[in-house]
């Protein structure tokens, strides 16, 4: 859950500062609330349509279908593409659990391959798995940490007999070799969970696609499977972005996203150029990636708990993404899934990764405090 921190914690450097965000966006958010209240229309109205159109323009993908959250966006995409019970879906073991939960809920069987030196799904291993097993019909790669998977490799993967749904929840605005994330696969999914680079003030998500037929199917699936009022052509779900969240995203947050992204990039550049500690290792940034730095991961030699305690004593928050690989989660006990290798690299990330604060409201002084604390750490 997202915790809103009180003003008494202002001296502590937080992973996310929602109080500072409210001070920035509050007036526009309240105006959006007023606009929705005065409209008298609260679900699937003008605000949702307007936000979908504006996000489509920003992302340069023609069709956007908003929904309740990023998990539903992946499930809706899979169902719109015709996933059948037992279909194999290739994905990464290192991600938020929602990525694989969506596959299981849609009836698919997750197939895991290891990650690369960046922590993102190894596209070479993915291609080899698809070529060796024609039962793999779908692939859900994740643009993790705000990095973009290599576009050329992803395009080669798309030419294999597999349908790609890109999980872009952490990478809104990122691109590889000039190609936006989400533009290679047949569909893409994103999340507006508050911590995301484009986060709502509650849950939300969206499916993006260049295919009008898929968008039409997705719009039906999110709304009980309706094709017209009280006409239910398929077994759908209740997964709608409400008018209020759409209005806040449209008026208060999407217009600020370029500024937010620019600040994240500047902070990442400072960290990359100034953190110099033999016990701390920055994973490689994928070649050609114009990253938006949703997270700033480090791999820690020795005890990462000791490093996090060191940061805590310096008044600096930190996090772990992700301490337990998806195939190791208790929820998958008894569920069907496959691991195509030992997941050695992914297990290294799970055992040693620590995320530093990186959000648009960090001051230069706070950034320097983080750098100083990292460089002072002695394992």
Protein backbone atom coordinates (compact mmCIF):
# COMPACT_ATOMS: atom_id res chain seq x y z
CA UNK A 1 0.00 0.00 0.00
CA UNK A 2 1.08 3.59 -0.57
CA UNK A 3 1.70 5.53 2.62
CA UNK A 4 1.31 9.31 2.70
CA UNK A 5 4.04 10.63 5.00
CA UNK A 6 3.37 13.51 7.39
CA UNK A 7 5.18 16.83 7.29
CA UNK A 8 7.09 15.77 10.42
CA UNK A 9 9.10 13.40 8.19
CA UNK A 10 10.23 16.19 5.87
CA UNK A 11 13.88 15.90 6.91
CA UNK A 12 14.02 12.24 5.96
CA UNK A 13 14.73 11.43 2.33
CA UNK A 14 11.82 9.33 1.15
CA UNK A 15 11.49 6.83 -1.68
CA UNK A 16 8.36 8.74 -2.73
CA UNK A 17 7.17 12.07 -1.35
CA UNK A 18 3.40 12.37 -1.81
CA UNK A 19 3.17 15.38 0.47
CA UNK A 20 5.53 17.33 -1.81
CA UNK A 21 3.56 16.09 -4.81
CA UNK A 22 0.30 17.36 -3.35
CA UNK A 23 1.81 20.78 -2.74
CA UNK A 24 2.72 20.85 -6.42
CA UNK A 25 -0.40 19.38 -8.03
CA UNK A 26 -3.08 19.97 -5.38
CA UNK A 27 -4.68 23.04 -6.95
CA UNK A 28 -5.05 21.33 -10.33
CA UNK A 29 -6.29 18.12 -8.69
CA UNK A 30 -8.95 20.02 -6.74
CA UNK A 31 -10.03 21.82 -9.91
CA UNK A 32 -10.37 18.42 -11.60
CA UNK A 33 -12.52 17.20 -8.68
CA UNK A 34 -14.72 20.26 -9.00
CA UNK A 35 -15.05 19.72 -12.75
CA UNK A 36 -16.11 16.10 -12.33
CA UNK A 37 -18.53 16.92 -9.53
CA UNK A 38 -20.17 19.66 -11.57
CA UNK A 39 -20.49 17.37 -14.58
CA UNK A 40 -22.76 14.89 -12.82
CA UNK A 41 -21.08 12.01 -14.71
CA UNK A 42 -18.77 9.74 -12.70
CA UNK A 43 -18.00 6.62 -14.80
CA UNK A 44 -16.80 6.32 -18.45
CA UNK A 45 -17.53 9.89 -19.40
CA UNK A 46 -15.76 12.82 -21.01
CA UNK A 47 -12.79 12.81 -18.64
CA UNK A 48 -11.92 9.18 -19.40
CA UNK A 49 -12.27 9.77 -23.13
CA UNK A 50 -10.21 12.94 -22.93
CA UNK A 51 -7.45 11.32 -20.89
CA UNK A 52 -7.30 8.32 -23.22
CA UNK A 53 -6.93 10.66 -26.21
CA UNK A 54 -4.21 12.73 -24.54
CA UNK A 55 -2.26 9.67 -23.37
CA UNK A 56 -2.50 8.29 -26.92
CA UNK A 57 -0.92 11.50 -28.24
CA UNK A 58 1.81 11.45 -25.60
CA UNK A 59 2.65 7.77 -26.19
CA UNK A 60 2.26 7.93 -29.99
CA UNK A 61 0.06 4.81 -29.97
CA UNK A 62 -3.38 5.35 -31.52
CA UNK A 63 -5.67 3.37 -29.21
CA UNK A 64 -5.79 3.62 -25.41
CA UNK A 65 -8.32 1.75 -23.28
CA UNK A 66 -8.12 2.71 -19.62
CA UNK A 67 -9.03 0.29 -16.84
CA UNK A 68 -8.87 -0.17 -13.08
CA UNK A 69 -5.19 -1.13 -12.69
CA UNK A 70 -2.12 -2.42 -14.47
CA UNK A 71 -2.78 -6.06 -13.59
CA UNK A 72 -6.17 -5.89 -15.30
CA UNK A 73 -4.58 -4.19 -18.31
CA UNK A 74 -2.33 -7.22 -18.90
CA UNK A 75 -5.16 -9.69 -18.34
CA UNK A 76 -7.48 -7.78 -20.67
CA UNK A 77 -4.78 -7.66 -23.34
CA UNK A 78 -4.22 -11.42 -23.11
CA UNK A 79 -7.94 -12.13 -23.24
CA UNK A 80 -8.48 -9.72 -26.13
CA UNK A 81 -5.75 -11.56 -28.04
CA UNK A 82 -7.47 -14.89 -27.45
CA UNK A 83 -5.36 -16.60 -24.81
CA UNK A 84 -6.79 -20.05 -24.14
CA UNK A 85 -6.56 -22.11 -20.94
CA UNK A 86 -3.14 -23.74 -20.81
CA UNK A 87 -1.48 -21.45 -23.37
CA UNK A 88 2.15 -20.83 -22.45
CA UNK A 89 3.14 -17.21 -21.83
CA UNK A 90 6.84 -16.33 -21.65
CA UNK A 91 7.76 -13.71 -19.06
CA UNK A 92 10.34 -12.59 -16.50
CA UNK A 93 10.78 -14.02 -12.99
CA UNK A 94 11.93 -10.61 -11.69
CA UNK A 95 9.03 -8.19 -11.58
CA UNK A 96 6.00 -7.23 -9.54
CA UNK A 97 3.85 -10.32 -8.96
CA UNK A 98 1.00 -8.69 -10.89
CA UNK A 99 2.72 -9.45 -14.20
CA UNK A 100 2.43 -13.21 -13.72
CA UNK A 101 -0.81 -13.04 -11.74
CA UNK A 102 -2.46 -11.52 -14.82
CA UNK A 103 -1.21 -14.43 -16.93
CA UNK A 104 -2.58 -17.00 -14.48
CA UNK A 105 -5.91 -15.20 -14.14
CA UNK A 106 -6.27 -15.17 -17.92
CA UNK A 107 -5.73 -18.93 -17.99
CA UNK A 108 -2.15 -18.90 -19.23
CA UNK A 109 0.86 -20.82 -17.95
CA UNK A 110 3.84 -18.56 -17.09
CA UNK A 111 7.15 -19.69 -18.57
CA UNK A 112 10.16 -18.01 -16.96
CA UNK A 113 13.60 -17.34 -18.43
CA UNK A 114 16.49 -15.58 -16.73
CA UNK A 115 17.22 -11.86 -16.81
CA UNK A 116 20.24 -10.13 -18.31
CA UNK A 117 22.86 -7.88 -16.70
CA UNK A 118 20.31 -5.04 -16.57
CA UNK A 119 17.79 -7.12 -14.64
CA UNK A 120 15.39 -7.18 -17.59
CA UNK A 121 14.23 -10.36 -19.30
CA UNK A 122 17.03 -11.85 -21.41
CA UNK A 123 15.64 -11.52 -24.94
CA UNK A 124 18.20 -13.96 -26.33
CA UNK A 125 17.04 -16.63 -23.90
CA UNK A 126 13.45 -15.67 -24.68
CA UNK A 127 13.97 -16.20 -28.40
CA UNK A 128 15.65 -19.56 -27.79
CA UNK A 129 12.76 -20.69 -25.59
CA UNK A 130 10.17 -19.71 -28.19
CA UNK A 131 12.07 -21.40 -31.00
CA UNK A 132 12.39 -24.61 -28.99
CA UNK A 133 8.77 -24.73 -27.82
CA UNK A 134 6.06 -23.78 -30.30
CA UNK A 135 3.50 -24.11 -27.50
CA UNK A 136 4.68 -20.69 -26.27
CA UNK A 137 2.14 -18.42 -27.93
CA UNK A 138 2.49 -15.19 -25.97
CA UNK A 139 5.28 -13.15 -24.38
CA UNK A 140 4.92 -10.49 -21.66
CA UNK A 141 8.30 -8.73 -21.36
CA UNK A 142 8.69 -6.07 -18.67
CA UNK A 143 10.51 -2.76 -19.17
CA UNK A 144 11.82 -2.88 -15.61
CA UNK A 145 13.28 -0.05 -13.50
CA UNK A 146 12.25 2.52 -16.15
CA UNK A 147 14.64 1.05 -18.73
CA UNK A 148 13.56 0.15 -22.25
CA UNK A 149 14.28 -3.33 -23.54
CA UNK A 150 16.45 -3.32 -26.65
CA UNK A 151 14.08 -2.45 -29.51
CA UNK A 152 15.98 -4.38 -32.18
CA UNK A 153 15.97 -7.59 -30.14
CA UNK A 154 12.32 -7.09 -29.24
CA UNK A 155 11.44 -6.63 -32.91
CA UNK A 156 13.22 -9.88 -33.76
CA UNK A 157 11.23 -11.58 -31.03
CA UNK A 158 8.00 -10.16 -32.45
CA UNK A 159 8.78 -11.78 -35.82
CA UNK A 160 8.66 -15.22 -34.19
CA UNK A 161 5.22 -16.88 -33.97
CA UNK A 162 4.41 -15.23 -30.64
CA UNK A 163 2.17 -12.33 -29.63
CA UNK A 164 3.90 -9.74 -27.45
CA UNK A 165 2.18 -7.71 -24.74
CA UNK A 166 4.69 -5.23 -23.31
CA UNK A 167 4.46 -4.46 -19.59
CA UNK A 168 5.32 -0.75 -19.52
CA UNK A 169 4.14 -0.01 -15.98
CA UNK A 170 7.59 1.25 -14.91
CA UNK A 171 8.62 2.84 -18.19
CA UNK A 172 6.05 5.42 -19.30
CA UNK A 173 7.94 7.74 -21.68
CA UNK A 174 11.00 5.51 -22.12
CA UNK A 175 12.27 4.51 -25.55
CA UNK A 176 14.90 2.33 -27.18
CA UNK A 177 16.70 3.59 -30.26
CA UNK A 178 13.92 6.17 -30.66
CA UNK A 179 11.11 3.60 -30.47
CA UNK A 180 8.71 4.13 -27.55
CA UNK A 181 8.17 1.23 -25.19
CA UNK A 182 4.87 -0.41 -26.08
CA UNK A 183 5.22 0.25 -29.80
CA UNK A 184 6.71 -3.11 -30.82
CA UNK A 185 4.24 -5.60 -29.38
CA UNK A 186 0.69 -6.10 -30.55
CA UNK A 187 -0.43 -4.51 -27.28
CA UNK A 188 1.01 -2.90 -24.18
CA UNK A 189 -0.11 -2.37 -20.61
CA UNK A 190 0.67 0.30 -18.06
CA UNK A 191 -0.21 1.15 -14.48
CA UNK A 192 -1.15 4.42 -12.81
CA UNK A 193 -0.42 3.16 -9.29
CA UNK A 194 0.64 6.25 -7.31
CA UNK A 195 4.35 5.39 -7.19
CA UNK A 196 4.62 5.12 -10.98
CA UNK A 197 6.21 7.89 -13.05
CA UNK A 198 2.69 8.72 -14.25
CA UNK A 199 0.75 7.77 -11.11
CA UNK A 200 -2.83 8.59 -10.19
CA UNK A 201 -4.09 9.41 -6.71
CA UNK A 202 -5.37 5.85 -6.46
CA UNK A 203 -5.32 2.82 -8.73
CA UNK A 204 -5.59 2.87 -12.50
CA UNK A 205 -4.19 1.32 -15.65
CA UNK A 206 -4.47 1.23 -19.42
CA UNK A 207 -4.04 -0.98 -22.45
CA UNK A 208 -2.41 0.54 -25.54
CA UNK A 209 -2.49 -0.88 -29.06
CA UNK A 210 -2.23 0.01 -32.73
CA UNK A 211 -5.00 -2.46 -33.56
CA UNK A 212 -8.51 -0.99 -33.48
CA UNK A 213 -10.13 -4.43 -33.19
CA UNK A 214 -8.10 -5.24 -30.06
CA UNK A 215 -9.02 -1.88 -28.55
CA UNK A 216 -12.73 -2.53 -29.23
CA UNK A 217 -12.48 -5.97 -27.60
CA UNK A 218 -10.64 -4.50 -24.61
CA UNK A 219 -13.24 -1.76 -24.16
CA UNK A 220 -15.93 -4.43 -23.98
CA UNK A 221 -13.98 -6.67 -21.60
CA UNK A 222 -13.38 -3.85 -19.09
CA UNK A 223 -17.13 -3.13 -18.91
CA UNK A 224 -18.77 -6.50 -18.12
CA UNK A 225 -18.26 -7.68 -21.70
CA UNK A 226 -20.90 -5.28 -22.98
CA UNK A 227 -21.10 -4.33 -26.64
CA UNK A 228 -24.16 -2.13 -26.00
CA UNK A 229 -26.15 -1.23 -22.89
CA UNK A 230 -27.31 -4.49 -21.30
CA UNK A 231 -25.93 -6.53 -24.21
CA UNK A 232 -23.20 -8.82 -22.82
CA UNK A 233 -21.44 -10.52 -25.72
CA UNK A 234 -18.63 -12.03 -23.64
CA UNK A 235 -17.72 -12.75 -20.02
CA UNK A 236 -16.02 -9.50 -19.12
CA UNK A 237 -14.98 -7.83 -15.89
CA UNK A 238 -15.57 -4.63 -13.97
CA UNK A 239 -12.33 -2.74 -14.58
CA UNK A 240 -12.97 0.91 -15.31
CA UNK A 241 -10.86 3.99 -14.63
CA UNK A 242 -13.26 6.38 -12.93
CA UNK A 243 -13.84 9.93 -14.08
CA UNK A 244 -12.13 11.49 -11.07
CA UNK A 245 -8.82 9.64 -11.52
CA UNK A 246 -8.94 10.34 -15.26
CA UNK A 247 -9.49 14.05 -14.61
CA UNK A 248 -6.62 14.25 -12.11
CA UNK A 249 -4.28 12.37 -14.44
CA UNK A 250 -5.34 14.56 -17.35
CA UNK A 251 -5.11 17.93 -15.62
CA UNK A 252 -2.58 17.57 -12.82
CA UNK A 253 -0.16 14.77 -13.69
CA UNK A 254 0.22 14.02 -17.40
CA UNK A 255 1.09 17.67 -18.21
CA UNK A 256 3.88 17.51 -15.60
CA UNK A 257 5.28 14.15 -16.73
CA UNK A 258 7.99 15.61 -19.03
CA UNK A 259 9.26 17.72 -16.12
CA UNK A 260 9.07 14.77 -13.75
CA UNK A 261 11.03 12.63 -16.20
CA UNK A 262 13.69 15.26 -16.78
CA UNK A 263 14.28 15.53 -13.04
CA UNK A 264 14.55 11.76 -12.63
CA UNK A 265 17.11 11.63 -15.44
CA UNK A 266 19.20 14.41 -13.89
CA UNK A 267 19.20 12.65 -10.51
CA UNK A 268 20.19 9.34 -12.13
CA UNK A 269 23.04 11.05 -13.97
CA UNK A 270 24.33 12.47 -10.68
CA UNK A 271 24.13 9.09 -8.97
CA UNK A 272 25.82 7.32 -11.89
CA UNK A 273 28.61 9.86 -12.05
CA UNK A 274 29.24 10.30 -8.34
CA UNK A 275 28.55 7.08 -6.45
CA UNK A 276 31.91 5.35 -6.29
CA UNK A 277 32.01 2.49 -3.83
CA UNK A 278 33.49 -0.90 -4.65
CA UNK A 279 30.71 -2.59 -2.65
CA UNK A 280 27.92 -1.00 -4.72
CA UNK A 281 27.28 -1.95 -8.34
CA UNK A 282 24.96 -0.22 -10.81
CA UNK A 283 23.39 -2.76 -13.17
CA UNK A 284 24.04 -2.06 -16.84
CA UNK A 285 21.59 0.21 -18.64
CA UNK A 286 20.31 -1.55 -21.79
CA UNK A 287 22.09 -0.36 -24.92
CA UNK A 288 20.09 2.31 -26.71
CA UNK A 289 17.70 2.87 -23.80
CA UNK A 290 16.43 6.37 -23.09
CA UNK A 291 15.47 5.43 -19.56
CA UNK A 292 12.97 7.23 -17.36
CA UNK A 293 14.41 5.85 -14.09
CA UNK A 294 11.31 4.68 -12.26
CA UNK A 295 13.76 3.07 -9.82
CA UNK A 296 17.48 3.41 -9.20
CA UNK A 297 18.75 -0.11 -8.38
CA UNK A 298 22.11 -1.00 -6.89
CA UNK A 299 23.52 -4.47 -6.29
CA UNK A 300 25.22 -4.67 -2.90
CA UNK A 301 28.18 -6.85 -1.95
CA UNK A 302 27.76 -8.56 1.40
CA UNK A 303 24.75 -7.77 3.56
CA UNK A 304 22.25 -5.50 1.87
CA UNK A 305 20.48 -5.17 5.23
CA UNK A 306 23.66 -3.59 6.60
CA UNK A 307 23.69 -1.11 3.70
CA UNK A 308 20.02 -0.26 4.19
CA UNK A 309 20.62 0.23 7.92
CA UNK A 310 23.53 2.55 7.06
CA UNK A 311 21.21 4.61 4.85
CA UNK A 312 18.51 4.61 7.52
CA UNK A 313 20.91 6.03 10.08
CA UNK A 314 21.68 8.80 7.61
CA UNK A 315 17.96 9.57 7.31
CA UNK A 316 17.62 8.02 3.86
CA UNK A 317 14.86 5.62 2.86
CA UNK A 318 15.53 2.66 0.59
CA UNK A 319 13.67 -0.32 -0.85
CA UNK A 320 14.08 -3.75 -2.41
CA UNK A 321 12.80 -4.72 -5.87
CA UNK A 322 12.18 -7.68 -5.72
CA UNK A 323 13.30 -9.93 -2.84
CA UNK A 324 11.40 -13.06 -3.93
CA UNK A 325 11.30 -14.28 -7.52
CA UNK A 326 7.81 -14.80 -8.92
CA UNK A 327 8.16 -18.61 -9.33
CA UNK A 328 9.18 -18.80 -5.65
CA UNK A 329 6.03 -17.04 -4.41
CA UNK A 330 3.72 -19.15 -2.20
CA UNK A 331 0.73 -18.18 -4.36
CA UNK A 332 2.13 -20.24 -7.25
CA UNK A 333 2.36 -23.44 -5.23
CA UNK A 334 0.04 -25.81 -7.07
CA UNK A 335 -0.23 -23.53 -10.11
CA UNK A 336 1.19 -24.50 -13.48
CA UNK A 337 4.38 -22.71 -14.53
CA UNK A 338 7.76 -23.51 -16.05
CA UNK A 339 11.32 -22.30 -15.43
CA UNK A 340 13.51 -22.73 -18.51
CA UNK A 341 16.80 -22.40 -16.60
CA UNK A 342 18.17 -21.91 -13.09
CA UNK A 343 17.40 -18.15 -13.14
CA UNK A 344 20.88 -17.48 -11.75
CA UNK A 345 21.04 -13.82 -12.70
CA UNK A 346 17.53 -13.12 -11.45
CA UNK A 347 18.36 -14.76 -8.12
CA UNK A 348 21.39 -12.49 -7.81
CA UNK A 349 19.17 -9.44 -8.24
CA UNK A 350 16.62 -10.79 -5.76
CA UNK A 351 19.33 -11.40 -3.16
CA UNK A 352 21.36 -8.18 -3.49
CA UNK A 353 19.27 -5.34 -5.01
CA UNK A 354 18.58 -2.10 -3.10
CA UNK A 355 16.68 0.86 -4.59
CA UNK A 356 17.79 4.41 -3.79
CA UNK A 357 15.38 7.36 -3.62
CA UNK A 358 14.68 8.80 -7.07
CA UNK A 359 11.61 10.98 -7.53
CA UNK A 360 10.95 14.43 -8.98
CA UNK A 361 10.82 16.23 -5.64
CA UNK A 362 14.31 15.37 -4.41
CA UNK A 363 16.34 18.54 -3.91
CA UNK A 364 19.94 18.84 -5.04
CA UNK A 365 20.96 18.83 -1.38
CA UNK A 366 19.10 15.57 -0.78
CA UNK A 367 20.70 13.99 -3.83
CA UNK A 368 24.12 14.92 -2.47
CA UNK A 369 23.22 13.42 0.90
CA UNK A 370 22.42 10.12 -0.83
CA UNK A 371 25.68 10.21 -2.77
CA UNK A 372 27.70 10.99 0.34
CA UNK A 373 26.05 8.20 2.34
CA UNK A 374 26.64 5.66 -0.44
CA UNK A 375 30.29 6.60 -0.79
CA UNK A 376 30.78 6.46 2.99
CA UNK A 377 29.39 2.94 3.30
CA UNK A 378 31.85 0.31 4.49
CA UNK A 379 30.64 -3.31 4.40
